[in-house]
PDB file of N, CA and C in Angstrom:
ATOM      1  N   MET A   1     -15.530 -17.712   9.838  1.00  0.00           N
ATOM      2  CA  MET A   1     -14.784 -16.392  10.854  1.00  0.00           C
ATOM      3  C   MET A   1     -14.195 -15.694   9.781  1.00  0.00           C
ATOM      4  N   ASN A   2     -14.537 -14.510   9.796  1.00  0.00           N
ATOM      5  CA  ASN A   2     -13.773 -13.199   8.715  1.00  0.00           C
ATOM      6  C   ASN A   2     -12.443 -13.112   9.216  1.00  0.00           C
ATOM      7  N   GLN A   3     -11.388 -13.055   8.303  1.00  0.00           N
ATOM      8  CA  GLN A   3     -10.015 -12.839   8.571  1.00  0.00           C
ATOM      9  C   GLN A   3      -9.847 -11.333   8.698  1.00  0.00           C
ATOM     10  N   PRO A   4      -9.040 -11.015   9.494  1.00  0.00           N
ATOM     11  CA  PRO A   4      -8.893  -9.689  10.154  1.00  0.00           C
ATOM     12  C   PRO A   4      -8.157  -8.842   8.934  1.00  0.00           C
ATOM     13  N   LYS A   5      -8.498  -7.465   8.839  1.00  0.00           N
ATOM     14  CA  LYS A   5      -7.851  -6.698   7.502  1.00  0.00           C
ATOM     15  C   LYS A   5      -6.420  -6.200   8.101  1.00  0.00           C
ATOM     16  N   LEU A   6      -5.570  -6.771   7.718  1.00  0.00           N
ATOM     17  CA  LEU A   6      -3.945  -6.489   8.232  1.00  0.00           C
ATOM     18  C   LEU A   6      -3.672  -5.549   7.068  1.00  0.00           C
ATOM     19  N   CYS A   7      -2.638  -4.389   7.734  1.00  0.00           N
ATOM     20  CA  CYS A   7      -2.249  -3.319   7.185  1.00  0.00           C
ATOM     21  C   CYS A   7      -1.212  -3.740   5.760  1.00  0.00           C
ATOM     22  N   ILE A   8      -0.443  -5.019   6.177  1.00  0.00           N
ATOM     23  CA  ILE A   8       0.232  -5.216   5.062  1.00  0.00           C
ATOM     24  C   ILE A   8      -0.487  -5.857   3.817  1.00  0.00           C
ATOM     25  N   ASP A   9      -1.880  -6.170   4.118  1.00  0.00           N
ATOM     26  CA  ASP A   9      -2.777  -6.359   2.992  1.00  0.00           C
ATOM     27  C   ASP A   9      -3.326  -5.411   2.233  1.00  0.00           C
ATOM     28  N   CYS A  10      -3.086  -4.184   2.727  1.00  0.00           N
ATOM     29  CA  CYS A  10      -3.806  -2.945   2.233  1.00  0.00           C
ATOM     30  C   CYS A  10      -2.960  -2.240   0.982  1.00  0.00           C
ATOM     31  N   ALA A  11      -3.718  -1.438   0.142  1.00  0.00           N
ATOM     32  CA  ALA A  11      -3.407  -0.884  -0.929  1.00  0.00           C
ATOM     33  C   ALA A  11      -2.525   0.445  -0.453  1.00  0.00           C
ATOM     34  N   HIS A  12      -2.591   0.730   0.713  1.00  0.00           N
ATOM     35  CA  HIS A  12      -2.087   1.907   1.330  1.00  0.00           C
ATOM     36  C   HIS A  12      -0.765   1.525   2.099  1.00  0.00           C
ATOM     37  N   PHE A  13      -0.523   0.855   2.215  1.00  0.00           N
ATOM     38  CA  PHE A  13       0.838   0.069   3.082  1.00  0.00           C
ATOM     39  C   PHE A  13       2.127   0.321   2.196  1.00  0.00           C
ATOM     40  N   VAL A  14       2.621   0.934   3.141  1.00  0.00           N
ATOM     41  CA  VAL A  14       4.564   1.283   2.300  1.00  0.00           C
ATOM     42  C   VAL A  14       5.224   0.199   3.146  1.00  0.00           C
ATOM     43  N   SER A  15       5.086   0.366   4.330  1.00  0.00           N
ATOM     44  CA  SER A  15       6.068  -0.224   5.387  1.00  0.00           C
ATOM     45  C   SER A  15       5.332  -0.468   6.654  1.00  0.00           C
ATOM     46  N   PRO A  16       5.810  -1.181   7.782  1.00  0.00           N
ATOM     47  CA  PRO A  16       5.085  -1.104   9.040  1.00  0.00           C
ATOM     48  C   PRO A  16       5.103   0.455   9.847  1.00  0.00           C
ATOM     49  N   ARG A  17       6.018   1.210   9.226  1.00  0.00           N
ATOM     50  CA  ARG A  17       5.817   2.605   9.898  1.00  0.00           C
ATOM     51  C   ARG A  17       5.171   3.271   8.849  1.00  0.00           C
ATOM     52  N   GLU A  18       4.833   2.954   7.453  1.00  0.00           N
ATOM     53  CA  GLU A  18       4.131   4.217   6.864  1.00  0.00           C
ATOM     54  C   GLU A  18       2.870   3.633   6.069  1.00  0.00           C
ATOM     55  N   CYS A  19       1.842   4.416   6.117  1.00  0.00           N
ATOM     56  CA  CYS A  19       0.669   4.287   5.741  1.00  0.00           C
ATOM     57  C   CYS A  19       0.729   5.558   4.702  1.00  0.00           C
ATOM     58  N   LYS A  20       0.111   5.534   3.505  1.00  0.00           N
ATOM     59  CA  LYS A  20      -0.017   6.366   2.473  1.00  0.00           C
ATOM     60  C   LYS A  20      -1.452   6.908   2.277  1.00  0.00           C
ATOM     61  N   HIS A  21      -2.437   6.395   2.953  1.00  0.00           N
ATOM     62  CA  HIS A  21      -4.160   6.755   2.331  1.00  0.00           C
ATOM     63  C   HIS A  21      -3.901   8.488   2.330  1.00  0.00           C
ATOM     64  N   PRO A  22      -4.815   8.677   1.423  1.00  0.00           N
ATOM     65  CA  PRO A  22      -5.062  10.387   1.308  1.00  0.00           C
ATOM     66  C   PRO A  22      -5.713  10.769   2.419  1.00  0.00           C
ATOM     67  N   SER A  23      -6.007  10.275   3.223  1.00  0.00           N
ATOM     68  CA  SER A  23      -6.648  10.971   4.300  1.00  0.00           C
ATOM     69  C   SER A  23      -5.786  11.719   5.448  1.00  0.00           C
ATOM     70  N   ASN A  24      -4.215  11.315   4.880  1.00  0.00           N
ATOM     71  CA  ASN A  24      -3.200  11.806   5.766  1.00  0.00           C
ATOM     72  C   ASN A  24      -2.856  13.105   5.600  1.00  0.00           C
ATOM     73  N   GLY A  25      -3.366  13.625   4.535  1.00  0.00           N
ATOM     74  CA  GLY A  25      -3.345  14.892   4.144  1.00  0.00           C
ATOM     75  C   GLY A  25      -2.157  15.385   3.057  1.00  0.00           C
ATOM     76  N   ILE A  26      -1.844  16.440   2.591  1.00  0.00           N
ATOM     77  CA  ILE A  26      -0.404  16.549   1.700  1.00  0.00           C
ATOM     78  C   ILE A  26       0.075  17.312   2.339  1.00  0.00           C
ATOM     79  N   ASP A  27       1.572  16.959   2.325  1.00  0.00           N
ATOM     80  CA  ASP A  27       2.765  17.924   2.664  1.00  0.00           C
ATOM     81  C   ASP A  27       2.701  19.249   1.816  1.00  0.00           C
ATOM     82  N   LEU A  28       2.708  20.453   2.908  1.00  0.00           N
ATOM     83  CA  LEU A  28       2.422  21.730   2.161  1.00  0.00           C
ATOM     84  C   LEU A  28       3.966  22.232   1.712  1.00  0.00           C
ATOM     85  N   ILE A  29       4.792  21.255   2.281  1.00  0.00           N
ATOM     86  CA  ILE A  29       6.386  21.583   1.393  1.00  0.00           C
ATOM     87  C   ILE A  29       6.659  21.381   0.221  1.00  0.00           C
ATOM     88  N   ASP A  30       6.303  19.704   0.088  1.00  0.00           N
ATOM     89  CA  ASP A  30       6.841  19.373  -1.173  1.00  0.00           C
ATOM     90  C   ASP A  30       5.477  18.693  -2.199  1.00  0.00           C
ATOM     91  N   GLY A  31       4.348  18.835  -1.277  1.00  0.00           N
ATOM     92  CA  GLY A  31       3.033  18.373  -2.114  1.00  0.00           C
ATOM     93  C   GLY A  31       2.708  16.877  -2.268  1.00  0.00           C
ATOM     94  N   LYS A  32       3.709  16.250  -1.307  1.00  0.00           N
ATOM     95  CA  LYS A  32       3.730  14.599  -1.499  1.00  0.00           C
ATOM     96  C   LYS A  32       2.727  14.512  -0.427  1.00  0.00           C
ATOM     97  N   LEU A  33       2.098  13.099  -0.461  1.00  0.00           N
ATOM     98  CA  LEU A  33       0.993  12.665   0.613  1.00  0.00           C
ATOM     99  C   LEU A  33       1.682  12.317   1.741  1.00  0.00           C
ATOM    100  N   ASN A  34       1.355  12.985   3.385  1.00  0.00           N
ATOM    101  CA  ASN A  34       1.852  12.544   4.197  1.00  0.00           C
ATOM    102  C   ASN A  34       1.913  11.266   4.548  1.00  0.00           C
ATOM    103  N   ARG A  35       2.859  10.509   5.314  1.00  0.00           N
ATOM    104  CA  ARG A  35       2.558   9.319   5.511  1.00  0.00           C
ATOM    105  C   ARG A  35       2.659   9.101   7.033  1.00  0.00           C
ATOM    106  N   ASN A  36       1.710   8.446   7.546  1.00  0.00           N
ATOM    107  CA  ASN A  36       1.528   8.163   8.911  1.00  0.00           C
ATOM    108  C   ASN A  36       2.219   6.735   9.412  1.00  0.00           C
ATOM    109  N   TRP A  37       2.320   6.374  10.735  1.00  0.00           N
ATOM    110  CA  TRP A  37       2.551   5.181  11.132  1.00  0.00           C
ATOM    111  C   TRP A  37       1.266   4.232  10.962  1.00  0.00           C
ATOM    112  N   CYS A  38       1.536   3.005  10.491  1.00  0.00           N
ATOM    113  CA  CYS A  38       0.301   2.320  10.277  1.00  0.00           C
ATOM    114  C   CYS A  38      -0.496   2.076  11.915  1.00  0.00           C
ATOM    115  N   SER A  39       0.456   1.857  12.774  1.00  0.00           N
ATOM    116  CA  SER A  39      -0.207   1.596  14.163  1.00  0.00           C
ATOM    117  C   SER A  39      -0.920   2.880  14.426  1.00  0.00           C
ATOM    118  N   VAL A  40      -0.544   4.179  14.369  1.00  0.00           N
ATOM    119  CA  VAL A  40      -1.116   5.458  14.631  1.00  0.00           C
ATOM    120  C   VAL A  40      -2.457   5.387  14.012  1.00  0.00           C
ATOM    121  N   MET A  41      -2.483   4.980  12.715  1.00  0.00           N
ATOM    122  CA  MET A  41      -3.584   5.110  11.757  1.00  0.00           C
ATOM    123  C   MET A  41      -4.709   4.052  12.419  1.00  0.00           C
ATOM    124  N   ARG A  42      -4.548   2.874  12.636  1.00  0.00           N
ATOM    125  CA  ARG A  42      -5.433   1.894  13.251  1.00  0.00           C
ATOM    126  C   ARG A  42      -5.921   2.502  14.808  1.00  0.00           C
ATOM    127  N   LEU A  43      -5.041   3.452  15.385  1.00  0.00           N
ATOM    128  CA  LEU A  43      -5.678   3.614  16.914  1.00  0.00           C
ATOM    129  C   LEU A  43      -6.480   4.896  17.000  1.00  0.00           C
ATOM    130  N   ILE A  44      -6.156   5.974  16.065  1.00  0.00           N
ATOM    131  CA  ILE A  44      -6.736   7.044  15.911  1.00  0.00           C
ATOM    132  C   ILE A  44      -8.168   7.236  15.703  1.00  0.00           C
ATOM    133  N   VAL A  45      -8.927   7.930  16.552  1.00  0.00           N
ATOM    134  CA  VAL A  45     -10.552   7.688  16.506  1.00  0.00           C
ATOM    135  C   VAL A  45     -10.843   8.126  15.272  1.00  0.00           C
ATOM    136  N   SER A  46     -10.251   9.405  14.744  1.00  0.00           N
ATOM    137  CA  SER A  46     -10.900   9.882  13.544  1.00  0.00           C
ATOM    138  C   SER A  46     -10.409   9.303  12.091  1.00  0.00           C
ATOM    139  N   SER A  47      -9.835   7.882  12.250  1.00  0.00           N
ATOM    140  CA  SER A  47      -9.176   7.241  11.224  1.00  0.00           C
ATOM    141  C   SER A  47      -9.509   6.074  10.812  1.00  0.00           C
ATOM    142  N   CYS A  48      -8.349   5.309  10.312  1.00  0.00           N
ATOM    143  CA  CYS A  48      -8.701   3.869  10.115  1.00  0.00           C
ATOM    144  C   CYS A  48      -9.523   3.059  11.098  1.00  0.00           C
ATOM    145  N   LYS A  49      -9.368   2.939  12.492  1.00  0.00           N
ATOM    146  CA  LYS A  49      -9.510   2.457  13.436  1.00  0.00           C
ATOM    147  C   LYS A  49      -8.873   1.010  13.555  1.00  0.00           C
ATOM    148  N   PRO A  50      -9.169   0.157  14.439  1.00  0.00           N
ATOM    149  CA  PRO A  50      -9.049  -1.079  14.540  1.00  0.00           C
ATOM    150  C   PRO A  50      -9.852  -2.028  13.526  1.00  0.00           C
ATOM    151  N   GLU A  51     -11.179  -1.296  13.150  1.00  0.00           N
ATOM    152  CA  GLU A  51     -11.925  -1.759  12.172  1.00  0.00           C
ATOM    153  C   GLU A  51     -11.506  -2.009  10.609  1.00  0.00           C
ATOM    154  N   ALA A  52     -10.377  -1.051  10.527  1.00  0.00           N
ATOM    155  CA  ALA A  52      -9.753  -1.018   9.181  1.00  0.00           C
ATOM    156  C   ALA A  52     -10.735  -0.380   8.227  1.00  0.00           C
ATOM    157  N   LEU A  53     -11.343   0.868   8.897  1.00  0.00           N
ATOM    158  CA  LEU A  53     -12.373   1.657   7.790  1.00  0.00           C
ATOM    159  C   LEU A  53     -11.987   2.022   6.688  1.00  0.00           C
ATOM    160  N   LEU A  54     -10.434   2.379   6.513  1.00  0.00           N
ATOM    161  CA  LEU A  54      -9.637   2.809   5.389  1.00  0.00           C
ATOM    162  C   LEU A  54      -9.431   1.659   4.465  1.00  0.00           C
ATOM    163  N   PHE A  55      -9.511   0.637   4.944  1.00  0.00           N
ATOM    164  CA  PHE A  55      -8.529  -0.597   4.234  1.00  0.00           C
ATOM    165  C   PHE A  55      -8.933  -0.330   2.703  1.00  0.00           C
ATOM    166  N   GLU A  56      -8.110  -0.852   1.873  1.00  0.00           N
ATOM    167  CA  GLU A  56      -8.449  -1.128   0.668  1.00  0.00           C
ATOM    168  C   GLU A  56      -7.615  -2.239  -0.042  1.00  0.00           C
ATOM    169  N   PRO A  57      -8.141  -3.432  -0.415  1.00  0.00           N
ATOM    170  CA  PRO A  57      -7.160  -4.563  -0.822  1.00  0.00           C
ATOM    171  C   PRO A  57      -6.309  -4.044  -1.954  1.00  0.00           C
ATOM    172  N   GLN A  58      -5.213  -4.876  -1.837  1.00  0.00           N
ATOM    173  CA  GLN A  58      -4.075  -4.696  -2.889  1.00  0.00           C
ATOM    174  C   GLN A  58      -4.450  -5.381  -4.379  1.00  0.00           C
ATOM    175  N   GLU A  59      -4.253  -4.474  -5.174  1.00  0.00           N
ATOM    176  CA  GLU A  59      -4.455  -5.176  -6.726  1.00  0.00           C
ATOM    177  C   GLU A  59      -3.579  -6.443  -6.803  1.00  0.00           C
ATOM    178  N   ALA A  60      -3.866  -7.380  -7.308  1.00  0.00           N
ATOM    179  CA  ALA A  60      -3.296  -8.587  -7.753  1.00  0.00           C
ATOM    180  C   ALA A  60      -2.254  -8.225  -9.117  1.00  0.00           C
ATOM    181  N   VAL A  61      -1.078  -8.430  -8.863  1.00  0.00           N
ATOM    182  CA  VAL A  61       0.037  -8.154 -10.111  1.00  0.00           C
ATOM    183  C   VAL A  61       0.255  -9.378 -10.735  1.00  0.00           C
ATOM    184  N   ILE A  62       0.079  -9.277 -12.136  1.00  0.00           N
ATOM    185  CA  ILE A  62       0.311 -10.314 -13.061  1.00  0.00           C
ATOM    186  C   ILE A  62       1.471  -9.971 -13.728  1.00  0.00           C
ATOM    187  N   TYR A  63       2.183 -10.879 -14.034  1.00  0.00           N
ATOM    188  CA  TYR A  63       3.544 -10.627 -14.655  1.00  0.00           C
ATOM    189  C   TYR A  63       3.604 -11.550 -15.836  1.00  0.00           C
ATOM    190  N   ASP A  64       3.942 -11.110 -17.020  1.00  0.00           N
ATOM    191  CA  ASP A  64       4.206 -12.077 -18.253  1.00  0.00           C
ATOM    192  C   ASP A  64       5.631 -12.284 -18.101  1.00  0.00           C
ATOM    193  N   ILE A  65       5.626 -14.130 -18.136  1.00  0.00           N
ATOM    194  CA  ILE A  65       7.046 -14.629 -17.715  1.00  0.00           C
ATOM    195  C   ILE A  65       8.108 -14.132 -18.658  1.00  0.00           C
ATOM    196  N   ALA A  66       7.898 -13.780 -19.841  1.00  0.00           N
ATOM    197  CA  ALA A  66       8.547 -13.323 -20.824  1.00  0.00           C
ATOM    198  C   ALA A  66       9.434 -11.619 -20.512  1.00  0.00           C
ATOM    199  N   ASP A  67       8.552 -10.887 -19.943  1.00  0.00           N
ATOM    200  CA  ASP A  67       9.064  -9.799 -19.350  1.00  0.00           C
ATOM    201  C   ASP A  67      10.001  -9.978 -18.342  1.00  0.00           C
ATOM    202  N   LEU A  68       9.858 -10.876 -17.507  1.00  0.00           N
ATOM    203  CA  LEU A  68      10.685 -11.110 -16.399  1.00  0.00           C
ATOM    204  C   LEU A  68      11.960 -11.870 -16.894  1.00  0.00           C
ATOM    205  N   PHE A  69      12.081 -12.282 -17.644  1.00  0.00           N
ATOM    206  CA  PHE A  69      13.027 -13.232 -18.198  1.00  0.00           C
ATOM    207  C   PHE A  69      13.203 -12.721 -19.947  1.00  0.00           C
ATOM    208  N   PRO A  70      13.667 -11.786 -20.140  1.00  0.00           N
ATOM    209  CA  PRO A  70      13.989 -11.491 -21.342  1.00  0.00           C
ATOM    210  C   PRO A  70      15.021 -12.222 -22.273  1.00  0.00           C
ATOM    211  N   ASN A  71      14.692 -12.624 -23.502  1.00  0.00           N
ATOM    212  CA  ASN A  71      15.775 -13.271 -24.440  1.00  0.00           C
ATOM    213  C   ASN A  71      17.381 -12.952 -24.041  1.00  0.00           C
ATOM    214  N   GLN A  72      17.854 -13.584 -23.323  1.00  0.00           N
ATOM    215  CA  GLN A  72      19.287 -13.249 -22.996  1.00  0.00           C
ATOM    216  C   GLN A  72      20.595 -13.463 -24.157  1.00  0.00           C
ATOM    217  N   SER A  73      20.211 -14.172 -25.047  1.00  0.00           N
ATOM    218  CA  SER A  73      21.167 -14.815 -26.272  1.00  0.00           C
ATOM    219  C   SER A  73      21.479 -13.434 -27.150  1.00  0.00           C
ATOM    220  N   GLY A  74      20.693 -12.414 -26.956  1.00  0.00           N
ATOM    221  CA  GLY A  74      20.853 -11.294 -27.787  1.00  0.00           C
ATOM    222  C   GLY A  74      20.203 -11.009 -29.176  1.00  0.00           C
ATOM    223  N   GLU A  75      19.400 -12.422 -29.431  1.00  0.00           N
ATOM    224  CA  GLU A  75      18.624 -12.548 -30.491  1.00  0.00           C
ATOM    225  C   GLU A  75      17.412 -11.853 -30.610  1.00  0.00           C
ATOM    226  N   THR A  76      17.179 -10.975 -31.720  1.00  0.00           N
ATOM    227  CA  THR A  76      16.081 -10.396 -31.611  1.00  0.00           C
ATOM    228  C   THR A  76      14.672 -11.347 -32.206  1.00  0.00           C
ATOM    229  N   GLN A  77      13.323 -10.869 -31.865  1.00  0.00           N
ATOM    230  CA  GLN A  77      12.107 -11.897 -32.042  1.00  0.00           C
ATOM    231  C   GLN A  77      11.600 -11.273 -33.105  1.00  0.00           C
TER     232      GLN A  77
END
């Protein structure tokens, strides 16, 4: 059985109330992407729909452990 495509797993997800997909358009005041509620995007006939037509998976983020925990002793390497 296929797993459902959840907004929280989408690259356009900002928060439960915000989807930043380019199809939302540009704000003519500040030039930034408009953000629509995720639930609205999934329900609008011409948008993502329940089938998650605009869904793009998030990219995996890989961190180098040295970047997360820099040398705290003050010594240079």
